[in-house]
């Protein structure tokens, strides 16, 4: 994919040190991220294409099914309007 995902305007990724979890801060809403969602979204800075994100995650987590799951995950977040 040539899409270079980035957080949409008004969406902020934060790490909550008290809860030890990542959060997406949206206008009038907070989304608690589970598992590896935070590390995936940290790579969505508008400079990497989806294929590059998948490749980098594949190196970090060689046993994980990143190629099968990450593109769909990012597409769903785009449909929600959280990624541009």
PDB file of N, CA and C in Angstrom:
ATOM      1  N   UNK A   1       0.837  -1.187   0.000  1.00  0.00           N
ATOM      2  CA  UNK A   1       0.000   0.000   0.000  1.00  0.00           C
ATOM      3  C   UNK A   1       0.880   1.248   0.000  1.00  0.00           C
ATOM      4  N   UNK A   2       0.471   2.266  -0.710  1.00  0.00           N
ATOM      5  CA  UNK A   2       1.238   3.500  -0.755  1.00  0.00           C
ATOM      6  C   UNK A   2       0.739   4.529   0.252  1.00  0.00           C
ATOM      7  N   UNK A   3      -0.365   4.255   0.889  1.00  0.00           N
ATOM      8  CA  UNK A   3      -0.906   5.155   1.911  1.00  0.00           C
ATOM      9  C   UNK A   3       0.117   5.327   3.033  1.00  0.00           C
ATOM     10  N   UNK A   4       0.331   6.545   3.449  1.00  0.00           N
ATOM     11  CA  UNK A   4       1.259   6.872   4.531  1.00  0.00           C
ATOM     12  C   UNK A   4       0.427   7.388   5.706  1.00  0.00           C
ATOM     13  N   UNK A   5      -0.005   6.469   6.573  1.00  0.00           N
ATOM     14  CA  UNK A   5      -0.910   6.870   7.652  1.00  0.00           C
ATOM     15  C   UNK A   5      -0.264   7.816   8.657  1.00  0.00           C
ATOM     16  N   UNK A   6      -1.088   8.734   9.127  1.00  0.00           N
ATOM     17  CA  UNK A   6      -0.700   9.666  10.180  1.00  0.00           C
ATOM     18  C   UNK A   6      -1.939   9.925  11.026  1.00  0.00           C
ATOM     19  N   UNK A   7      -1.740  10.278  12.272  1.00  0.00           N
ATOM     20  CA  UNK A   7      -2.881  10.599  13.121  1.00  0.00           C
ATOM     21  C   UNK A   7      -3.632  11.783  12.522  1.00  0.00           C
ATOM     22  N   UNK A   8      -4.941  11.690  12.553  1.00  0.00           N
ATOM     23  CA  UNK A   8      -5.773  12.773  12.037  1.00  0.00           C
ATOM     24  C   UNK A   8      -5.637  14.011  12.905  1.00  0.00           C
ATOM     25  N   UNK A   9      -5.998  15.114  12.347  1.00  0.00           N
ATOM     26  CA  UNK A   9      -5.963  16.381  13.077  1.00  0.00           C
ATOM     27  C   UNK A   9      -6.850  16.276  14.318  1.00  0.00           C
ATOM     28  N   UNK A  10      -6.330  16.686  15.443  1.00  0.00           N
ATOM     29  CA  UNK A  10      -7.087  16.628  16.688  1.00  0.00           C
ATOM     30  C   UNK A  10      -6.942  15.329  17.448  1.00  0.00           C
ATOM     31  N   UNK A  11      -6.233  14.348  16.869  1.00  0.00           N
ATOM     32  CA  UNK A  11      -6.014  13.063  17.529  1.00  0.00           C
ATOM     33  C   UNK A  11      -4.586  13.045  18.076  1.00  0.00           C
ATOM     34  N   UNK A  12      -4.456  12.684  19.351  1.00  0.00           N
ATOM     35  CA  UNK A  12      -3.150  12.679  20.007  1.00  0.00           C
ATOM     36  C   UNK A  12      -2.922  11.312  20.652  1.00  0.00           C
ATOM     37  N   UNK A  13      -1.743  10.775  20.458  1.00  0.00           N
ATOM     38  CA  UNK A  13      -1.344   9.520  21.090  1.00  0.00           C
ATOM     39  C   UNK A  13      -0.535   9.850  22.329  1.00  0.00           C
ATOM     40  N   UNK A  14      -0.962   9.343  23.474  1.00  0.00           N
ATOM     41  CA  UNK A  14      -0.270   9.585  24.748  1.00  0.00           C
ATOM     42  C   UNK A  14      -0.075   8.279  25.486  1.00  0.00           C
ATOM     43  N   UNK A  15       0.965   8.246  26.287  1.00  0.00           N
ATOM     44  CA  UNK A  15       1.173   7.104  27.179  1.00  0.00           C
ATOM     45  C   UNK A  15       0.787   7.538  28.582  1.00  0.00           C
ATOM     46  N   UNK A  16      -0.114   6.797  29.195  1.00  0.00           N
ATOM     47  CA  UNK A  16      -0.551   7.073  30.564  1.00  0.00           C
ATOM     48  C   UNK A  16       0.354   6.281  31.496  1.00  0.00           C
ATOM     49  N   UNK A  17       1.237   6.986  32.188  1.00  0.00           N
ATOM     50  CA  UNK A  17       2.202   6.316  33.070  1.00  0.00           C
ATOM     51  C   UNK A  17       1.526   5.699  34.282  1.00  0.00           C
ATOM     52  N   UNK A  18       0.439   6.278  34.741  1.00  0.00           N
ATOM     53  CA  UNK A  18      -0.257   5.741  35.907  1.00  0.00           C
ATOM     54  C   UNK A  18      -0.873   4.384  35.577  1.00  0.00           C
ATOM     55  N   UNK A  19      -1.545   4.307  34.449  1.00  0.00           N
ATOM     56  CA  UNK A  19      -2.213   3.056  34.039  1.00  0.00           C
ATOM     57  C   UNK A  19      -1.302   2.138  33.219  1.00  0.00           C
ATOM     58  N   UNK A  20      -0.118   2.652  32.835  1.00  0.00           N
ATOM     59  CA  UNK A  20       0.822   1.904  31.996  1.00  0.00           C
ATOM     60  C   UNK A  20       0.157   1.414  30.713  1.00  0.00           C
ATOM     61  N   UNK A  21      -0.526   2.336  30.029  1.00  0.00           N
ATOM     62  CA  UNK A  21      -1.174   2.006  28.771  1.00  0.00           C
ATOM     63  C   UNK A  21      -1.145   3.217  27.850  1.00  0.00           C
ATOM     64  N   UNK A  22      -1.335   2.960  26.570  1.00  0.00           N
ATOM     65  CA  UNK A  22      -1.392   4.036  25.595  1.00  0.00           C
ATOM     66  C   UNK A  22      -2.835   4.462  25.388  1.00  0.00           C
ATOM     67  N   UNK A  23      -3.012   5.749  25.108  1.00  0.00           N
ATOM     68  CA  UNK A  23      -4.332   6.330  24.911  1.00  0.00           C
ATOM     69  C   UNK A  23      -4.346   7.130  23.618  1.00  0.00           C
ATOM     70  N   UNK A  24      -5.498   7.124  22.959  1.00  0.00           N
ATOM     71  CA  UNK A  24      -5.736   8.058  21.871  1.00  0.00           C
ATOM     72  C   UNK A  24      -6.679   9.110  22.415  1.00  0.00           C
ATOM     73  N   UNK A  25      -6.250  10.353  22.388  1.00  0.00           N
ATOM     74  CA  UNK A  25      -7.077  11.449  22.862  1.00  0.00           C
ATOM     75  C   UNK A  25      -7.738  12.083  21.653  1.00  0.00           C
ATOM     76  N   UNK A  26      -9.074  12.054  21.664  1.00  0.00           N
ATOM     77  CA  UNK A  26      -9.866  12.614  20.578  1.00  0.00           C
ATOM     78  C   UNK A  26     -10.752  13.707  21.165  1.00  0.00           C
ATOM     79  N   UNK A  27     -11.287  14.562  20.325  1.00  0.00           N
ATOM     80  CA  UNK A  27     -12.203  15.561  20.868  1.00  0.00           C
ATOM     81  C   UNK A  27     -13.345  14.892  21.641  1.00  0.00           C
ATOM     82  N   UNK A  28     -13.420  15.182  22.916  1.00  0.00           N
ATOM     83  CA  UNK A  28     -14.465  14.683  23.808  1.00  0.00           C
ATOM     84  C   UNK A  28     -14.514  13.162  23.935  1.00  0.00           C
ATOM     85  N   UNK A  29     -13.378  12.510  23.710  1.00  0.00           N
ATOM     86  CA  UNK A  29     -13.334  11.044  23.803  1.00  0.00           C
ATOM     87  C   UNK A  29     -11.912  10.592  24.066  1.00  0.00           C
ATOM     88  N   UNK A  30     -11.776   9.519  24.834  1.00  0.00           N
ATOM     89  CA  UNK A  30     -10.483   8.890  25.075  1.00  0.00           C
ATOM     90  C   UNK A  30     -10.630   7.409  24.725  1.00  0.00           C
ATOM     91  N   UNK A  31      -9.692   6.905  23.946  1.00  0.00           N
ATOM     92  CA  UNK A  31      -9.686   5.491  23.570  1.00  0.00           C
ATOM     93  C   UNK A  31      -8.478   4.841  24.230  1.00  0.00           C
ATOM     94  N   UNK A  32      -8.725   3.807  25.027  1.00  0.00           N
ATOM     95  CA  UNK A  32      -7.650   3.052  25.667  1.00  0.00           C
ATOM     96  C   UNK A  32      -7.165   2.007  24.666  1.00  0.00           C
ATOM     97  N   UNK A  33      -5.882   2.045  24.363  1.00  0.00           N
ATOM     98  CA  UNK A  33      -5.309   1.108  23.400  1.00  0.00           C
ATOM     99  C   UNK A  33      -4.779  -0.119  24.123  1.00  0.00           C
ATOM    100  N   UNK A  34      -4.980  -1.244  23.546  1.00  0.00           N
ATOM    101  CA  UNK A  34      -4.554  -2.513  24.136  1.00  0.00           C
ATOM    102  C   UNK A  34      -3.457  -3.150  23.287  1.00  0.00           C
ATOM    103  N   UNK A  35      -2.706  -4.021  23.916  1.00  0.00           N
ATOM    104  CA  UNK A  35      -1.696  -4.799  23.203  1.00  0.00           C
ATOM    105  C   UNK A  35      -0.685  -3.935  22.488  1.00  0.00           C
ATOM    106  N   UNK A  36      -0.461  -4.243  21.233  1.00  0.00           N
ATOM    107  CA  UNK A  36       0.568  -3.543  20.458  1.00  0.00           C
ATOM    108  C   UNK A  36       0.019  -2.374  19.650  1.00  0.00           C
ATOM    109  N   UNK A  37      -1.202  -1.941  19.928  1.00  0.00           N
ATOM    110  CA  UNK A  37      -1.799  -0.834  19.168  1.00  0.00           C
ATOM    111  C   UNK A  37      -0.962   0.439  19.287  1.00  0.00           C
ATOM    112  N   UNK A  38      -0.483   0.751  20.482  1.00  0.00           N
ATOM    113  CA  UNK A  38       0.328   1.954  20.672  1.00  0.00           C
ATOM    114  C   UNK A  38       1.599   1.938  19.852  1.00  0.00           C
ATOM    115  N   UNK A  39       2.397   0.872  19.940  1.00  0.00           N
ATOM    116  CA  UNK A  39       3.612   0.818  19.114  1.00  0.00           C
ATOM    117  C   UNK A  39       3.320   0.894  17.606  1.00  0.00           C
ATOM    118  N   UNK A  40       2.214   0.317  17.169  1.00  0.00           N
ATOM    119  CA  UNK A  40       1.847   0.405  15.752  1.00  0.00           C
ATOM    120  C   UNK A  40       1.550   1.859  15.394  1.00  0.00           C
ATOM    121  N   UNK A  41       0.754   2.527  16.221  1.00  0.00           N
ATOM    122  CA  UNK A  41       0.372   3.901  15.916  1.00  0.00           C
ATOM    123  C   UNK A  41       1.542   4.874  16.018  1.00  0.00           C
ATOM    124  N   UNK A  42       2.535   4.571  16.817  1.00  0.00           N
ATOM    125  CA  UNK A  42       3.715   5.438  16.890  1.00  0.00           C
ATOM    126  C   UNK A  42       4.462   5.477  15.557  1.00  0.00           C
ATOM    127  N   UNK A  43       4.314   4.437  14.777  1.00  0.00           N
ATOM    128  CA  UNK A  43       4.953   4.391  13.459  1.00  0.00           C
ATOM    129  C   UNK A  43       4.149   5.141  12.399  1.00  0.00           C
ATOM    130  N   UNK A  44       2.944   5.538  12.735  1.00  0.00           N
ATOM    131  CA  UNK A  44       2.071   6.248  11.792  1.00  0.00           C
ATOM    132  C   UNK A  44       2.331   7.748  11.887  1.00  0.00           C
ATOM    133  N   UNK A  45       3.435   8.165  11.292  1.00  0.00           N
ATOM    134  CA  UNK A  45       3.841   9.564  11.370  1.00  0.00           C
ATOM    135  C   UNK A  45       3.777  10.271  10.019  1.00  0.00           C
ATOM    136  N   UNK A  46       3.202   9.596   9.028  1.00  0.00           N
ATOM    137  CA  UNK A  46       3.065  10.187   7.706  1.00  0.00           C
ATOM    138  C   UNK A  46       4.277  10.023   6.815  1.00  0.00           C
ATOM    139  N   UNK A  47       5.349   9.441   7.332  1.00  0.00           N
ATOM    140  CA  UNK A  47       6.550   9.261   6.517  1.00  0.00           C
ATOM    141  C   UNK A  47       6.684   7.840   5.983  1.00  0.00           C
ATOM    142  N   UNK A  48       6.051   6.888   6.652  1.00  0.00           N
ATOM    143  CA  UNK A  48       6.158   5.473   6.254  1.00  0.00           C
ATOM    144  C   UNK A  48       4.870   5.019   5.576  1.00  0.00           C
ATOM    145  N   UNK A  49       5.020   4.270   4.500  1.00  0.00           N
ATOM    146  CA  UNK A  49       3.869   3.610   3.888  1.00  0.00           C
ATOM    147  C   UNK A  49       3.504   2.403   4.749  1.00  0.00           C
ATOM    148  N   UNK A  50       2.312   1.886   4.537  1.00  0.00           N
ATOM    149  CA  UNK A  50       1.850   0.736   5.322  1.00  0.00           C
ATOM    150  C   UNK A  50       2.828  -0.423   5.199  1.00  0.00           C
ATOM    151  N   UNK A  51       3.346  -0.662   3.999  1.00  0.00           N
ATOM    152  CA  UNK A  51       4.305  -1.755   3.809  1.00  0.00           C
ATOM    153  C   UNK A  51       5.559  -1.551   4.661  1.00  0.00           C
ATOM    154  N   UNK A  52       6.009  -0.325   4.797  1.00  0.00           N
ATOM    155  CA  UNK A  52       7.168  -0.027   5.635  1.00  0.00           C
ATOM    156  C   UNK A  52       6.878  -0.247   7.105  1.00  0.00           C
ATOM    157  N   UNK A  53       5.675   0.120   7.530  1.00  0.00           N
ATOM    158  CA  UNK A  53       5.265  -0.112   8.922  1.00  0.00           C
ATOM    159  C   UNK A  53       5.230  -1.607   9.202  1.00  0.00           C
ATOM    160  N   UNK A  54       4.646  -2.367   8.284  1.00  0.00           N
ATOM    161  CA  UNK A  54       4.579  -3.828   8.439  1.00  0.00           C
ATOM    162  C   UNK A  54       5.987  -4.412   8.499  1.00  0.00           C
ATOM    163  N   UNK A  55       6.879  -3.955   7.636  1.00  0.00           N
ATOM    164  CA  UNK A  55       8.251  -4.478   7.625  1.00  0.00           C
ATOM    165  C   UNK A  55       8.963  -4.189   8.942  1.00  0.00           C
ATOM    166  N   UNK A  56       8.826  -2.966   9.445  1.00  0.00           N
ATOM    167  CA  UNK A  56       9.486  -2.617  10.704  1.00  0.00           C
ATOM    168  C   UNK A  56       8.925  -3.433  11.864  1.00  0.00           C
ATOM    169  N   UNK A  57       7.618  -3.583  11.904  1.00  0.00           N
ATOM    170  CA  UNK A  57       7.007  -4.386  12.974  1.00  0.00           C
ATOM    171  C   UNK A  57       7.389  -5.857  12.847  1.00  0.00           C
ATOM    172  N   UNK A  58       7.525  -6.334  11.616  1.00  0.00           N
ATOM    173  CA  UNK A  58       7.948  -7.718  11.402  1.00  0.00           C
ATOM    174  C   UNK A  58       9.326  -7.987  11.955  1.00  0.00           C
ATOM    175  N   UNK A  59      10.195  -6.988  11.872  1.00  0.00           N
ATOM    176  CA  UNK A  59      11.542  -7.128  12.443  1.00  0.00           C
ATOM    177  C   UNK A  59      11.492  -7.115  13.974  1.00  0.00           C
ATOM    178  N   UNK A  60      10.648  -6.259  14.522  1.00  0.00           N
ATOM    179  CA  UNK A  60      10.539  -6.157  15.986  1.00  0.00           C
ATOM    180  C   UNK A  60       9.868  -7.374  16.603  1.00  0.00           C
ATOM    181  N   UNK A  61       8.847  -7.882  15.916  1.00  0.00           N
ATOM    182  CA  UNK A  61       8.031  -8.986  16.445  1.00  0.00           C
ATOM    183  C   UNK A  61       7.970 -10.108  15.412  1.00  0.00           C
ATOM    184  N   UNK A  62       9.066 -10.843  15.229  1.00  0.00           N
ATOM    185  CA  UNK A  62       9.126 -11.828  14.140  1.00  0.00           C
ATOM    186  C   UNK A  62       8.080 -12.944  14.220  1.00  0.00           C
ATOM    187  N   UNK A  63       7.598 -13.267  15.390  1.00  0.00           N
ATOM    188  CA  UNK A  63       6.620 -14.353  15.506  1.00  0.00           C
ATOM    189  C   UNK A  63       5.176 -13.877  15.356  1.00  0.00           C
ATOM    190  N   UNK A  64       4.968 -12.571  15.328  1.00  0.00           N
ATOM    191  CA  UNK A  64       3.616 -12.019  15.264  1.00  0.00           C
ATOM    192  C   UNK A  64       3.122 -11.958  13.812  1.00  0.00           C
ATOM    193  N   UNK A  65       1.822 -12.121  13.605  1.00  0.00           N
ATOM    194  CA  UNK A  65       1.255 -12.079  12.249  1.00  0.00           C
ATOM    195  C   UNK A  65       0.996 -10.648  11.767  1.00  0.00           C
ATOM    196  N   UNK A  66       2.025  -9.807  11.775  1.00  0.00           N
ATOM    197  CA  UNK A  66       1.835  -8.392  11.458  1.00  0.00           C
ATOM    198  C   UNK A  66       1.352  -8.162  10.034  1.00  0.00           C
ATOM    199  N   UNK A  67       1.868  -8.918   9.075  1.00  0.00           N
ATOM    200  CA  UNK A  67       1.465  -8.723   7.681  1.00  0.00           C
ATOM    201  C   UNK A  67      -0.014  -9.024   7.478  1.00  0.00           C
ATOM    202  N   UNK A  68      -0.539  -9.935   8.260  1.00  0.00           N
ATOM    203  CA  UNK A  68      -1.948 -10.304   8.133  1.00  0.00           C
ATOM    204  C   UNK A  68      -2.872  -9.367   8.900  1.00  0.00           C
ATOM    205  N   UNK A  69      -2.384  -8.742   9.972  1.00  0.00           N
ATOM    206  CA  UNK A  69      -3.270  -7.982  10.849  1.00  0.00           C
ATOM    207  C   UNK A  69      -3.115  -6.465  10.771  1.00  0.00           C
ATOM    208  N   UNK A  70      -1.928  -5.966  10.609  1.00  0.00           N
ATOM    209  CA  UNK A  70      -1.697  -4.520  10.696  1.00  0.00           C
ATOM    210  C   UNK A  70      -2.407  -3.728   9.595  1.00  0.00           C
ATOM    211  N   UNK A  71      -2.352  -4.130   8.322  1.00  0.00           N
ATOM    212  CA  UNK A  71      -3.062  -3.338   7.304  1.00  0.00           C
ATOM    213  C   UNK A  71      -4.561  -3.200   7.592  1.00  0.00           C
ATOM    214  N   UNK A  72      -5.190  -4.259   8.018  1.00  0.00           N
ATOM    215  CA  UNK A  72      -6.615  -4.199   8.357  1.00  0.00           C
ATOM    216  C   UNK A  72      -6.883  -3.317   9.560  1.00  0.00           C
ATOM    217  N   UNK A  73      -6.014  -3.405  10.562  1.00  0.00           N
ATOM    218  CA  UNK A  73      -6.140  -2.559  11.755  1.00  0.00           C
ATOM    219  C   UNK A  73      -6.060  -1.087  11.373  1.00  0.00           C
ATOM    220  N   UNK A  74      -5.078  -0.736  10.558  1.00  0.00           N
ATOM    221  CA  UNK A  74      -4.919   0.655  10.143  1.00  0.00           C
ATOM    222  C   UNK A  74      -6.094   1.126   9.299  1.00  0.00           C
ATOM    223  N   UNK A  75      -6.595   0.262   8.451  1.00  0.00           N
ATOM    224  CA  UNK A  75      -7.760   0.609   7.626  1.00  0.00           C
ATOM    225  C   UNK A  75      -8.979   0.886   8.495  1.00  0.00           C
ATOM    226  N   UNK A  76      -9.168   0.084   9.537  1.00  0.00           N
ATOM    227  CA  UNK A  76     -10.300   0.311  10.450  1.00  0.00           C
ATOM    228  C   UNK A  76     -10.163   1.643  11.180  1.00  0.00           C
ATOM    229  N   UNK A  77      -8.960   1.987  11.597  1.00  0.00           N
ATOM    230  CA  UNK A  77      -8.760   3.266  12.273  1.00  0.00           C
ATOM    231  C   UNK A  77      -8.976   4.431  11.309  1.00  0.00           C
ATOM    232  N   UNK A  78      -8.645   4.208  10.061  1.00  0.00           N
ATOM    233  CA  UNK A  78      -8.903   5.240   9.050  1.00  0.00           C
ATOM    234  C   UNK A  78     -10.405   5.438   8.865  1.00  0.00           C
ATOM    235  N   UNK A  79     -11.160   4.356   8.847  1.00  0.00           N
ATOM    236  CA  UNK A  79     -12.627   4.444   8.720  1.00  0.00           C
ATOM    237  C   UNK A  79     -13.237   5.190   9.920  1.00  0.00           C
ATOM    238  N   UNK A  80     -12.639   5.023  11.090  1.00  0.00           N
ATOM    239  CA  UNK A  80     -13.109   5.736  12.283  1.00  0.00           C
ATOM    240  C   UNK A  80     -12.774   7.221  12.231  1.00  0.00           C
ATOM    241  N   UNK A  81     -11.841   7.583  11.337  1.00  0.00           N
ATOM    242  CA  UNK A  81     -11.424   8.970  11.216  1.00  0.00           C
ATOM    243  C   UNK A  81     -10.244   9.329  12.101  1.00  0.00           C
ATOM    244  N   UNK A  82      -9.624   8.326  12.694  1.00  0.00           N
ATOM    245  CA  UNK A  82      -8.496   8.558  13.587  1.00  0.00           C
ATOM    246  C   UNK A  82      -7.179   8.654  12.872  1.00  0.00           C
ATOM    247  N   UNK A  83      -7.117   8.118  11.660  1.00  0.00           N
ATOM    248  CA  UNK A  83      -5.921   8.202  10.820  1.00  0.00           C
ATOM    249  C   UNK A  83      -6.257   8.902   9.525  1.00  0.00           C
ATOM    250  N   UNK A  84      -5.315   9.662   9.041  1.00  0.00           N
ATOM    251  CA  UNK A  84      -5.477  10.340   7.755  1.00  0.00           C
ATOM    252  C   UNK A  84      -4.602   9.664   6.721  1.00  0.00           C
TER     253      UNK A  84
END
